[in-house]
Amino acid sequence: MALHTLKSNRDFKKVYRYGQSLANRSLVLYLLPNRNAGLRFGFSISKKLGKAVVRNRLRRRIKEICRLNMHWFPPDHDLVIVVRPDAVKRDFRYLSEGLFRLTQKARMKKGGD
């Protein structure tokens, strides 16, 4: 199953500005409900993290985690995942567990409101 991704800068800015954010040492997750546009992902990886090979490897890992575990995320949301420097030295499993915990926190917050 393919991921639907955010492409425009305007969409990213909207999620950053109005969305809820959750973070751990490796990742920051921004969530913003959208109007029946489905689940859409955006990935942000700074050039400060390394050269293109390193950034692309991280992007591929995070995308694969999202693709395999789409049931973790709330439906009809725009999500932006920002990768922090700590993620460079982490493996797939660590990143996967970290993202799972962030999604669980998001569900707890949503239920607590």
PDB file of N, CA and C in Angstrom:
ATOM      1  N   MET A   1       0.838  -1.178   0.000  1.00  0.00           N
ATOM      2  CA  MET A   1       0.000   0.000   0.000  1.00  0.00           C
ATOM      3  C   MET A   1       0.889   1.249   0.000  1.00  0.00           C
ATOM      4  N   ALA A   2       0.607   2.171  -0.876  1.00  0.00           N
ATOM      5  CA  ALA A   2       1.429   3.375  -1.002  1.00  0.00           C
ATOM      6  C   ALA A   2       0.976   4.441  -0.007  1.00  0.00           C
ATOM      7  N   LEU A   3       1.927   5.256   0.388  1.00  0.00           N
ATOM      8  CA  LEU A   3       1.623   6.377   1.271  1.00  0.00           C
ATOM      9  C   LEU A   3       1.223   7.583   0.443  1.00  0.00           C
ATOM     10  N   HIS A   4       0.268   8.327   0.939  1.00  0.00           N
ATOM     11  CA  HIS A   4      -0.060   9.605   0.324  1.00  0.00           C
ATOM     12  C   HIS A   4       0.760  10.651   1.060  1.00  0.00           C
ATOM     13  N   THR A   5       1.478  11.463   0.315  1.00  0.00           N
ATOM     14  CA  THR A   5       2.391  12.396   0.955  1.00  0.00           C
ATOM     15  C   THR A   5       1.983  13.844   0.734  1.00  0.00           C
ATOM     16  N   LEU A   6       2.376  14.676   1.690  1.00  0.00           N
ATOM     17  CA  LEU A   6       2.202  16.110   1.565  1.00  0.00           C
ATOM     18  C   LEU A   6       3.316  16.620   0.666  1.00  0.00           C
ATOM     19  N   LYS A   7       2.979  17.463  -0.262  1.00  0.00           N
ATOM     20  CA  LYS A   7       3.978  17.965  -1.202  1.00  0.00           C
ATOM     21  C   LYS A   7       4.234  19.460  -1.047  1.00  0.00           C
ATOM     22  N   SER A   8       3.171  20.221  -0.851  1.00  0.00           N
ATOM     23  CA  SER A   8       3.333  21.673  -0.901  1.00  0.00           C
ATOM     24  C   SER A   8       3.812  22.244   0.434  1.00  0.00           C
ATOM     25  N   ASN A   9       4.571  23.293   0.326  1.00  0.00           N
ATOM     26  CA  ASN A   9       5.079  24.003   1.493  1.00  0.00           C
ATOM     27  C   ASN A   9       3.909  24.531   2.325  1.00  0.00           C
ATOM     28  N   ARG A  10       2.847  24.931   1.660  1.00  0.00           N
ATOM     29  CA  ARG A  10       1.659  25.452   2.345  1.00  0.00           C
ATOM     30  C   ARG A  10       1.059  24.388   3.262  1.00  0.00           C
ATOM     31  N   ASP A  11       0.982  23.145   2.791  1.00  0.00           N
ATOM     32  CA  ASP A  11       0.448  22.059   3.621  1.00  0.00           C
ATOM     33  C   ASP A  11       1.326  21.811   4.848  1.00  0.00           C
ATOM     34  N   PHE A  12       2.643  21.806   4.652  1.00  0.00           N
ATOM     35  CA  PHE A  12       3.559  21.607   5.772  1.00  0.00           C
ATOM     36  C   PHE A  12       3.389  22.726   6.797  1.00  0.00           C
ATOM     37  N   LYS A  13       3.337  23.961   6.331  1.00  0.00           N
ATOM     38  CA  LYS A  13       3.202  25.101   7.245  1.00  0.00           C
ATOM     39  C   LYS A  13       1.902  25.046   8.036  1.00  0.00           C
ATOM     40  N   LYS A  14       0.830  24.607   7.386  1.00  0.00           N
ATOM     41  CA  LYS A  14      -0.456  24.496   8.060  1.00  0.00           C
ATOM     42  C   LYS A  14      -0.375  23.474   9.200  1.00  0.00           C
ATOM     43  N   VAL A  15       0.266  22.343   8.944  1.00  0.00           N
ATOM     44  CA  VAL A  15       0.389  21.310   9.975  1.00  0.00           C
ATOM     45  C   VAL A  15       1.262  21.809  11.124  1.00  0.00           C
ATOM     46  N   TYR A  16       2.373  22.483  10.798  1.00  0.00           N
ATOM     47  CA  TYR A  16       3.242  23.022  11.844  1.00  0.00           C
ATOM     48  C   TYR A  16       2.511  24.056  12.701  1.00  0.00           C
ATOM     49  N   ARG A  17       1.741  24.910  12.054  1.00  0.00           N
ATOM     50  CA  ARG A  17       1.116  26.029  12.751  1.00  0.00           C
ATOM     51  C   ARG A  17      -0.077  25.609  13.601  1.00  0.00           C
ATOM     52  N   TYR A  18      -0.946  24.765  13.051  1.00  0.00           N
ATOM     53  CA  TYR A  18      -2.197  24.445  13.731  1.00  0.00           C
ATOM     54  C   TYR A  18      -2.234  23.049  14.330  1.00  0.00           C
ATOM     55  N   GLY A  19      -1.251  22.232  14.035  1.00  0.00           N
ATOM     56  CA  GLY A  19      -1.276  20.849  14.490  1.00  0.00           C
ATOM     57  C   GLY A  19      -0.765  20.659  15.907  1.00  0.00           C
ATOM     58  N   GLN A  20      -1.070  19.500  16.430  1.00  0.00           N
ATOM     59  CA  GLN A  20      -0.586  19.084  17.743  1.00  0.00           C
ATOM     60  C   GLN A  20       0.790  18.459  17.536  1.00  0.00           C
ATOM     61  N   SER A  21       1.727  18.702  18.452  1.00  0.00           N
ATOM     62  CA  SER A  21       3.050  18.102  18.289  1.00  0.00           C
ATOM     63  C   SER A  21       3.404  17.243  19.492  1.00  0.00           C
ATOM     64  N   LEU A  22       4.116  16.163  19.193  1.00  0.00           N
ATOM     65  CA  LEU A  22       4.616  15.240  20.203  1.00  0.00           C
ATOM     66  C   LEU A  22       6.043  14.905  19.815  1.00  0.00           C
ATOM     67  N   ALA A  23       6.901  14.693  20.803  1.00  0.00           N
ATOM     68  CA  ALA A  23       8.309  14.473  20.474  1.00  0.00           C
ATOM     69  C   ALA A  23       8.964  13.468  21.405  1.00  0.00           C
ATOM     70  N   ASN A  24      10.014  12.858  20.883  1.00  0.00           N
ATOM     71  CA  ASN A  24      10.932  12.075  21.697  1.00  0.00           C
ATOM     72  C   ASN A  24      12.347  12.454  21.244  1.00  0.00           C
ATOM     73  N   ARG A  25      13.335  11.701  21.645  1.00  0.00           N
ATOM     74  CA  ARG A  25      14.715  12.080  21.307  1.00  0.00           C
ATOM     75  C   ARG A  25      15.016  12.036  19.817  1.00  0.00           C
ATOM     76  N   SER A  26      14.348  11.177  19.085  1.00  0.00           N
ATOM     77  CA  SER A  26      14.665  10.951  17.680  1.00  0.00           C
ATOM     78  C   SER A  26      13.698  11.583  16.700  1.00  0.00           C
ATOM     79  N   LEU A  27      12.444  11.762  17.104  1.00  0.00           N
ATOM     80  CA  LEU A  27      11.413  12.185  16.161  1.00  0.00           C
ATOM     81  C   LEU A  27      10.477  13.218  16.783  1.00  0.00           C
ATOM     82  N   VAL A  28       9.900  14.037  15.918  1.00  0.00           N
ATOM     83  CA  VAL A  28       8.816  14.933  16.312  1.00  0.00           C
ATOM     84  C   VAL A  28       7.653  14.606  15.376  1.00  0.00           C
ATOM     85  N   LEU A  29       6.475  14.434  15.944  1.00  0.00           N
ATOM     86  CA  LEU A  29       5.285  14.101  15.169  1.00  0.00           C
ATOM     87  C   LEU A  29       4.282  15.238  15.291  1.00  0.00           C
ATOM     88  N   TYR A  30       3.882  15.794  14.158  1.00  0.00           N
ATOM     89  CA  TYR A  30       2.844  16.815  14.111  1.00  0.00           C
ATOM     90  C   TYR A  30       1.601  16.187  13.492  1.00  0.00           C
ATOM     91  N   LEU A  31       0.442  16.402  14.117  1.00  0.00           N
ATOM     92  CA  LEU A  31      -0.824  15.856  13.613  1.00  0.00           C
ATOM     93  C   LEU A  31      -1.831  16.985  13.455  1.00  0.00           C
ATOM     94  N   LEU A  32      -2.553  16.955  12.348  1.00  0.00           N
ATOM     95  CA  LEU A  32      -3.608  17.925  12.112  1.00  0.00           C
ATOM     96  C   LEU A  32      -4.757  17.222  11.395  1.00  0.00           C
ATOM     97  N   PRO A  33      -5.967  17.259  11.983  1.00  0.00           N
ATOM     98  CA  PRO A  33      -7.106  16.654  11.280  1.00  0.00           C
ATOM     99  C   PRO A  33      -7.359  17.364   9.957  1.00  0.00           C
ATOM    100  N   ASN A  34      -7.711  16.599   8.934  1.00  0.00           N
ATOM    101  CA  ASN A  34      -8.092  17.202   7.659  1.00  0.00           C
ATOM    102  C   ASN A  34      -9.512  16.753   7.337  1.00  0.00           C
ATOM    103  N   ARG A  35     -10.107  17.373   6.368  1.00  0.00           N
ATOM    104  CA  ARG A  35     -11.508  17.066   6.037  1.00  0.00           C
ATOM    105  C   ARG A  35     -11.584  15.957   5.001  1.00  0.00           C
ATOM    106  N   ASN A  36     -11.608  14.727   5.475  1.00  0.00           N
ATOM    107  CA  ASN A  36     -11.790  13.555   4.616  1.00  0.00           C
ATOM    108  C   ASN A  36     -10.799  13.483   3.454  1.00  0.00           C
ATOM    109  N   ALA A  37      -9.593  13.984   3.652  1.00  0.00           N
ATOM    110  CA  ALA A  37      -8.570  13.894   2.616  1.00  0.00           C
ATOM    111  C   ALA A  37      -7.758  12.610   2.792  1.00  0.00           C
ATOM    112  N   GLY A  38      -8.094  11.825   3.797  1.00  0.00           N
ATOM    113  CA  GLY A  38      -7.357  10.596   4.049  1.00  0.00           C
ATOM    114  C   GLY A  38      -6.134  10.856   4.909  1.00  0.00           C
ATOM    115  N   LEU A  39      -5.341   9.839   5.056  1.00  0.00           N
ATOM    116  CA  LEU A  39      -4.125   9.920   5.856  1.00  0.00           C
ATOM    117  C   LEU A  39      -2.984  10.357   4.942  1.00  0.00           C
ATOM    118  N   ARG A  40      -2.391  11.504   5.251  1.00  0.00           N
ATOM    119  CA  ARG A  40      -1.302  12.020   4.416  1.00  0.00           C
ATOM    120  C   ARG A  40      -0.079  12.269   5.295  1.00  0.00           C
ATOM    121  N   PHE A  41       1.086  11.926   4.773  1.00  0.00           N
ATOM    122  CA  PHE A  41       2.337  12.034   5.516  1.00  0.00           C
ATOM    123  C   PHE A  41       3.267  13.056   4.878  1.00  0.00           C
ATOM    124  N   GLY A  42       4.032  13.719   5.719  1.00  0.00           N
ATOM    125  CA  GLY A  42       5.112  14.580   5.269  1.00  0.00           C
ATOM    126  C   GLY A  42       6.342  14.223   6.085  1.00  0.00           C
ATOM    127  N   PHE A  43       7.499  14.296   5.472  1.00  0.00           N
ATOM    128  CA  PHE A  43       8.742  13.928   6.143  1.00  0.00           C
ATOM    129  C   PHE A  43       9.719  15.088   6.027  1.00  0.00           C
ATOM    130  N   SER A  44      10.319  15.468   7.148  1.00  0.00           N
ATOM    131  CA  SER A  44      11.254  16.581   7.165  1.00  0.00           C
ATOM    132  C   SER A  44      12.571  16.119   7.774  1.00  0.00           C
ATOM    133  N   ILE A  45      13.622  16.203   6.960  1.00  0.00           N
ATOM    134  CA  ILE A  45      14.943  15.754   7.402  1.00  0.00           C
ATOM    135  C   ILE A  45      15.949  16.828   7.020  1.00  0.00           C
ATOM    136  N   SER A  46      16.535  17.458   8.014  1.00  0.00           N
ATOM    137  CA  SER A  46      17.425  18.589   7.805  1.00  0.00           C
ATOM    138  C   SER A  46      18.765  18.171   7.214  1.00  0.00           C
ATOM    139  N   LYS A  47      19.359  19.077   6.464  1.00  0.00           N
ATOM    140  CA  LYS A  47      20.693  18.830   5.921  1.00  0.00           C
ATOM    141  C   LYS A  47      21.737  18.751   7.022  1.00  0.00           C
ATOM    142  N   LYS A  48      21.404  19.227   8.199  1.00  0.00           N
ATOM    143  CA  LYS A  48      22.331  19.166   9.332  1.00  0.00           C
ATOM    144  C   LYS A  48      22.588  17.729   9.787  1.00  0.00           C
ATOM    145  N   LEU A  49      21.700  16.817   9.402  1.00  0.00           N
ATOM    146  CA  LEU A  49      21.822  15.431   9.847  1.00  0.00           C
ATOM    147  C   LEU A  49      22.882  14.645   9.094  1.00  0.00           C
ATOM    148  N   GLY A  50      23.265  15.125   7.928  1.00  0.00           N
ATOM    149  CA  GLY A  50      24.281  14.418   7.162  1.00  0.00           C
ATOM    150  C   GLY A  50      24.104  14.629   5.680  1.00  0.00           C
ATOM    151  N   LYS A  51      24.920  13.938   4.946  1.00  0.00           N
ATOM    152  CA  LYS A  51      24.850  14.041   3.487  1.00  0.00           C
ATOM    153  C   LYS A  51      23.611  13.321   2.970  1.00  0.00           C
ATOM    154  N   ALA A  52      23.390  13.425   1.674  1.00  0.00           N
ATOM    155  CA  ALA A  52      22.173  12.907   1.059  1.00  0.00           C
ATOM    156  C   ALA A  52      21.961  11.417   1.333  1.00  0.00           C
ATOM    157  N   VAL A  53      23.017  10.650   1.344  1.00  0.00           N
ATOM    158  CA  VAL A  53      22.887   9.210   1.576  1.00  0.00           C
ATOM    159  C   VAL A  53      22.284   8.941   2.954  1.00  0.00           C
ATOM    160  N   VAL A  54      22.763   9.662   3.957  1.00  0.00           N
ATOM    161  CA  VAL A  54      22.271   9.495   5.326  1.00  0.00           C
ATOM    162  C   VAL A  54      20.820   9.953   5.427  1.00  0.00           C
ATOM    163  N   ARG A  55      20.517  11.102   4.858  1.00  0.00           N
ATOM    164  CA  ARG A  55      19.153  11.640   4.923  1.00  0.00           C
ATOM    165  C   ARG A  55      18.172  10.737   4.193  1.00  0.00           C
ATOM    166  N   ASN A  56      18.554  10.254   3.031  1.00  0.00           N
ATOM    167  CA  ASN A  56      17.659   9.372   2.270  1.00  0.00           C
ATOM    168  C   ASN A  56      17.437   8.042   2.974  1.00  0.00           C
ATOM    169  N   ARG A  57      18.466   7.519   3.634  1.00  0.00           N
ATOM    170  CA  ARG A  57      18.308   6.270   4.379  1.00  0.00           C
ATOM    171  C   ARG A  57      17.303   6.469   5.512  1.00  0.00           C
ATOM    172  N   LEU A  58      17.435   7.584   6.233  1.00  0.00           N
ATOM    173  CA  LEU A  58      16.485   7.880   7.307  1.00  0.00           C
ATOM    174  C   LEU A  58      15.065   8.042   6.763  1.00  0.00           C
ATOM    175  N   ARG A  59      14.933   8.768   5.666  1.00  0.00           N
ATOM    176  CA  ARG A  59      13.617   8.982   5.067  1.00  0.00           C
ATOM    177  C   ARG A  59      12.994   7.651   4.659  1.00  0.00           C
ATOM    178  N   ARG A  60      13.768   6.776   4.043  1.00  0.00           N
ATOM    179  CA  ARG A  60      13.250   5.470   3.628  1.00  0.00           C
ATOM    180  C   ARG A  60      12.820   4.637   4.835  1.00  0.00           C
ATOM    181  N   ARG A  61      13.608   4.682   5.910  1.00  0.00           N
ATOM    182  CA  ARG A  61      13.243   3.928   7.109  1.00  0.00           C
ATOM    183  C   ARG A  61      11.932   4.421   7.699  1.00  0.00           C
ATOM    184  N   ILE A  62      11.816   5.732   7.850  1.00  0.00           N
ATOM    185  CA  ILE A  62      10.612   6.299   8.449  1.00  0.00           C
ATOM    186  C   ILE A  62       9.395   6.023   7.560  1.00  0.00           C
ATOM    187  N   LYS A  63       9.550   6.171   6.247  1.00  0.00           N
ATOM    188  CA  LYS A  63       8.440   5.891   5.327  1.00  0.00           C
ATOM    189  C   LYS A  63       8.005   4.433   5.416  1.00  0.00           C
ATOM    190  N   GLU A  64       8.955   3.537   5.524  1.00  0.00           N
ATOM    191  CA  GLU A  64       8.631   2.114   5.604  1.00  0.00           C
ATOM    192  C   GLU A  64       7.913   1.796   6.918  1.00  0.00           C
ATOM    193  N   ILE A  65       8.357   2.401   8.008  1.00  0.00           N
ATOM    194  CA  ILE A  65       7.683   2.215   9.293  1.00  0.00           C
ATOM    195  C   ILE A  65       6.227   2.674   9.166  1.00  0.00           C
ATOM    196  N   CYS A  66       6.019   3.816   8.553  1.00  0.00           N
ATOM    197  CA  CYS A  66       4.656   4.342   8.380  1.00  0.00           C
ATOM    198  C   CYS A  66       3.832   3.442   7.466  1.00  0.00           C
ATOM    199  N   ARG A  67       4.427   2.981   6.378  1.00  0.00           N
ATOM    200  CA  ARG A  67       3.707   2.140   5.428  1.00  0.00           C
ATOM    201  C   ARG A  67       3.263   0.830   6.070  1.00  0.00           C
ATOM    202  N   LEU A  68       4.142   0.218   6.853  1.00  0.00           N
ATOM    203  CA  LEU A  68       3.835  -1.064   7.479  1.00  0.00           C
ATOM    204  C   LEU A  68       2.836  -0.942   8.630  1.00  0.00           C
ATOM    205  N   ASN A  69       2.754   0.250   9.212  1.00  0.00           N
ATOM    206  CA  ASN A  69       1.952   0.422  10.423  1.00  0.00           C
ATOM    207  C   ASN A  69       0.937   1.552  10.298  1.00  0.00           C
ATOM    208  N   MET A  70       0.276   1.635   9.177  1.00  0.00           N
ATOM    209  CA  MET A  70      -0.677   2.720   8.959  1.00  0.00           C
ATOM    210  C   MET A  70      -1.829   2.687   9.966  1.00  0.00           C
ATOM    211  N   HIS A  71      -2.098   1.522  10.543  1.00  0.00           N
ATOM    212  CA  HIS A  71      -3.172   1.404  11.533  1.00  0.00           C
ATOM    213  C   HIS A  71      -2.851   2.136  12.835  1.00  0.00           C
ATOM    214  N   TRP A  72      -1.594   2.507  13.058  1.00  0.00           N
ATOM    215  CA  TRP A  72      -1.218   3.261  14.250  1.00  0.00           C
ATOM    216  C   TRP A  72      -1.786   4.673  14.225  1.00  0.00           C
ATOM    217  N   PHE A  73      -1.936   5.226  13.025  1.00  0.00           N
ATOM    218  CA  PHE A  73      -2.234   6.645  12.872  1.00  0.00           C
ATOM    219  C   PHE A  73      -3.734   6.890  12.768  1.00  0.00           C
ATOM    220  N   PRO A  74      -4.200   8.025  13.309  1.00  0.00           N
ATOM    221  CA  PRO A  74      -5.634   8.328  13.210  1.00  0.00           C
ATOM    222  C   PRO A  74      -6.017   8.618  11.764  1.00  0.00           C
ATOM    223  N   PRO A  75      -7.189   8.160  11.334  1.00  0.00           N
ATOM    224  CA  PRO A  75      -7.597   8.403   9.943  1.00  0.00           C
ATOM    225  C   PRO A  75      -7.900   9.876   9.704  1.00  0.00           C
ATOM    226  N   ASP A  76      -7.834  10.276   8.440  1.00  0.00           N
ATOM    227  CA  ASP A  76      -8.144  11.648   8.030  1.00  0.00           C
ATOM    228  C   ASP A  76      -7.330  12.688   8.792  1.00  0.00           C
ATOM    229  N   HIS A  77      -6.028  12.474   8.818  1.00  0.00           N
ATOM    230  CA  HIS A  77      -5.103  13.425   9.427  1.00  0.00           C
ATOM    231  C   HIS A  77      -3.945  13.690   8.469  1.00  0.00           C
ATOM    232  N   ASP A  78      -3.391  14.891   8.582  1.00  0.00           N
ATOM    233  CA  ASP A  78      -2.120  15.202   7.953  1.00  0.00           C
ATOM    234  C   ASP A  78      -1.071  15.054   9.041  1.00  0.00           C
ATOM    235  N   LEU A  79       0.012  14.345   8.726  1.00  0.00           N
ATOM    236  CA  LEU A  79       1.079  14.135   9.691  1.00  0.00           C
ATOM    237  C   LEU A  79       2.397  14.589   9.094  1.00  0.00           C
ATOM    238  N   VAL A  80       3.204  15.244   9.903  1.00  0.00           N
ATOM    239  CA  VAL A  80       4.566  15.574   9.492  1.00  0.00           C
ATOM    240  C   VAL A  80       5.486  14.970  10.535  1.00  0.00           C
ATOM    241  N   ILE A  81       6.457  14.216  10.057  1.00  0.00           N
ATOM    242  CA  ILE A  81       7.439  13.597  10.942  1.00  0.00           C
ATOM    243  C   ILE A  81       8.767  14.292  10.712  1.00  0.00           C
ATOM    244  N   VAL A  82       9.276  14.910  11.761  1.00  0.00           N
ATOM    245  CA  VAL A  82      10.564  15.603  11.703  1.00  0.00           C
ATOM    246  C   VAL A  82      11.593  14.705  12.367  1.00  0.00           C
ATOM    247  N   VAL A  83      12.690  14.470  11.670  1.00  0.00           N
ATOM    248  CA  VAL A  83      13.735  13.591  12.175  1.00  0.00           C
ATOM    249  C   VAL A  83      14.782  14.429  12.891  1.00  0.00           C
ATOM    250  N   ARG A  84      15.111  14.041  14.109  1.00  0.00           N
ATOM    251  CA  ARG A  84      16.116  14.730  14.922  1.00  0.00           C
ATOM    252  C   ARG A  84      17.477  14.046  14.771  1.00  0.00           C
ATOM    253  N   PRO A  85      18.544  14.753  15.160  1.00  0.00           N
ATOM    254  CA  PRO A  85      19.905  14.189  15.002  1.00  0.00           C
ATOM    255  C   PRO A  85      20.119  12.842  15.683  1.00  0.00           C
ATOM    256  N   ASP A  86      19.441  12.586  16.792  1.00  0.00           N
ATOM    257  CA  ASP A  86      19.594  11.312  17.497  1.00  0.00           C
ATOM    258  C   ASP A  86      19.215  10.115  16.618  1.00  0.00           C
ATOM    259  N   ALA A  87      18.336  10.327  15.652  1.00  0.00           N
ATOM    260  CA  ALA A  87      17.852   9.233  14.806  1.00  0.00           C
ATOM    261  C   ALA A  87      18.936   8.664  13.893  1.00  0.00           C
ATOM    262  N   VAL A  88      19.959   9.446  13.614  1.00  0.00           N
ATOM    263  CA  VAL A  88      21.014   9.002  12.696  1.00  0.00           C
ATOM    264  C   VAL A  88      21.678   7.726  13.208  1.00  0.00           C
ATOM    265  N   LYS A  89      21.872   7.639  14.509  1.00  0.00           N
ATOM    266  CA  LYS A  89      22.578   6.474  15.068  1.00  0.00           C
ATOM    267  C   LYS A  89      21.639   5.364  15.523  1.00  0.00           C
ATOM    268  N   ARG A  90      20.342   5.497  15.252  1.00  0.00           N
ATOM    269  CA  ARG A  90      19.357   4.505  15.694  1.00  0.00           C
ATOM    270  C   ARG A  90      18.969   3.547  14.570  1.00  0.00           C
ATOM    271  N   ASP A  91      18.581   2.338  14.968  1.00  0.00           N
ATOM    272  CA  ASP A  91      18.192   1.353  13.971  1.00  0.00           C
ATOM    273  C   ASP A  91      16.675   1.389  13.722  1.00  0.00           C
ATOM    274  N   PHE A  92      16.244   0.587  12.780  1.00  0.00           N
ATOM    275  CA  PHE A  92      14.848   0.535  12.358  1.00  0.00           C
ATOM    276  C   PHE A  92      13.921   0.244  13.533  1.00  0.00           C
ATOM    277  N   ARG A  93      14.285  -0.730  14.337  1.00  0.00           N
ATOM    278  CA  ARG A  93      13.427  -1.151  15.447  1.00  0.00           C
ATOM    279  C   ARG A  93      13.246  -0.042  16.479  1.00  0.00           C
ATOM    280  N   TYR A  94      14.331   0.648  16.820  1.00  0.00           N
ATOM    281  CA  TYR A  94      14.265   1.747  17.790  1.00  0.00           C
ATOM    282  C   TYR A  94      13.354   2.864  17.268  1.00  0.00           C
ATOM    283  N   LEU A  95      13.537   3.223  15.996  1.00  0.00           N
ATOM    284  CA  LEU A  95      12.715   4.280  15.404  1.00  0.00           C
ATOM    285  C   LEU A  95      11.247   3.862  15.355  1.00  0.00           C
ATOM    286  N   SER A  96      11.011   2.598  15.036  1.00  0.00           N
ATOM    287  CA  SER A  96       9.657   2.077  14.972  1.00  0.00           C
ATOM    288  C   SER A  96       8.974   2.149  16.342  1.00  0.00           C
ATOM    289  N   GLU A  97       9.668   1.716  17.366  1.00  0.00           N
ATOM    290  CA  GLU A  97       9.113   1.756  18.722  1.00  0.00           C
ATOM    291  C   GLU A  97       8.868   3.193  19.165  1.00  0.00           C
ATOM    292  N   GLY A  98       9.782   4.089  18.828  1.00  0.00           N
ATOM    293  CA  GLY A  98       9.621   5.497  19.186  1.00  0.00           C
ATOM    294  C   GLY A  98       8.416   6.120  18.517  1.00  0.00           C
ATOM    295  N   LEU A  99       8.222   5.831  17.241  1.00  0.00           N
ATOM    296  CA  LEU A  99       7.070   6.369  16.525  1.00  0.00           C
ATOM    297  C   LEU A  99       5.772   5.771  17.064  1.00  0.00           C
ATOM    298  N   PHE A 100       5.801   4.493  17.413  1.00  0.00           N
ATOM    299  CA  PHE A 100       4.621   3.859  18.003  1.00  0.00           C
ATOM    300  C   PHE A 100       4.236   4.557  19.301  1.00  0.00           C
ATOM    301  N   ARG A 101       5.223   4.855  20.146  1.00  0.00           N
ATOM    302  CA  ARG A 101       4.936   5.533  21.418  1.00  0.00           C
ATOM    303  C   ARG A 101       4.345   6.917  21.190  1.00  0.00           C
ATOM    304  N   LEU A 102       4.852   7.615  20.174  1.00  0.00           N
ATOM    305  CA  LEU A 102       4.304   8.941  19.874  1.00  0.00           C
ATOM    306  C   LEU A 102       2.846   8.847  19.428  1.00  0.00           C
ATOM    307  N   THR A 103       2.527   7.844  18.625  1.00  0.00           N
ATOM    308  CA  THR A 103       1.142   7.698  18.185  1.00  0.00           C
ATOM    309  C   THR A 103       0.232   7.315  19.356  1.00  0.00           C
ATOM    310  N   GLN A 104       0.759   6.530  20.291  1.00  0.00           N
ATOM    311  CA  GLN A 104      -0.010   6.172  21.470  1.00  0.00           C
ATOM    312  C   GLN A 104      -0.274   7.417  22.326  1.00  0.00           C
ATOM    313  N   LYS A 105       0.731   8.271  22.469  1.00  0.00           N
ATOM    314  CA  LYS A 105       0.557   9.526  23.205  1.00  0.00           C
ATOM    315  C   LYS A 105      -0.511  10.382  22.561  1.00  0.00           C
ATOM    316  N   ALA A 106      -0.504  10.415  21.236  1.00  0.00           N
ATOM    317  CA  ALA A 106      -1.492  11.215  20.496  1.00  0.00           C
ATOM    318  C   ALA A 106      -2.901  10.692  20.767  1.00  0.00           C
ATOM    319  N   ARG A 107      -3.060   9.386  20.804  1.00  0.00           N
ATOM    320  CA  ARG A 107      -4.371   8.806  21.091  1.00  0.00           C
ATOM    321  C   ARG A 107      -4.811   9.143  22.512  1.00  0.00           C
ATOM    322  N   MET A 108      -3.872   9.105  23.453  1.00  0.00           N
ATOM    323  CA  MET A 108      -4.181   9.416  24.860  1.00  0.00           C
ATOM    324  C   MET A 108      -4.621  10.863  24.985  1.00  0.00           C
ATOM    325  N   LYS A 109      -3.901  11.775  24.319  1.00  0.00           N
ATOM    326  CA  LYS A 109      -4.252  13.189  24.381  1.00  0.00           C
ATOM    327  C   LYS A 109      -5.619  13.440  23.773  1.00  0.00           C
ATOM    328  N   LYS A 110      -5.871  12.796  22.650  1.00  0.00           N
ATOM    329  CA  LYS A 110      -7.146  12.970  21.961  1.00  0.00           C
ATOM    330  C   LYS A 110      -8.290  12.487  22.836  1.00  0.00           C
ATOM    331  N   GLY A 111      -8.076  11.358  23.496  1.00  0.00           N
ATOM    332  CA  GLY A 111      -9.110  10.808  24.376  1.00  0.00           C
ATOM    333  C   GLY A 111      -9.297  11.634  25.633  1.00  0.00           C
ATOM    334  N   GLY A 112      -8.244  12.309  26.077  1.00  0.00           N
ATOM    335  CA  GLY A 112      -8.294  13.101  27.308  1.00  0.00           C
ATOM    336  C   GLY A 112      -8.924  14.453  27.135  1.00  0.00           C
ATOM    337  N   ASP A 113      -9.065  14.924  25.885  1.00  0.00           N
ATOM    338  CA  ASP A 113      -9.619  16.269  25.651  1.00  0.00           C
ATOM    339  C   ASP A 113     -11.096  16.340  25.916  1.00  0.00           C
TER     340      ASP A 113
END
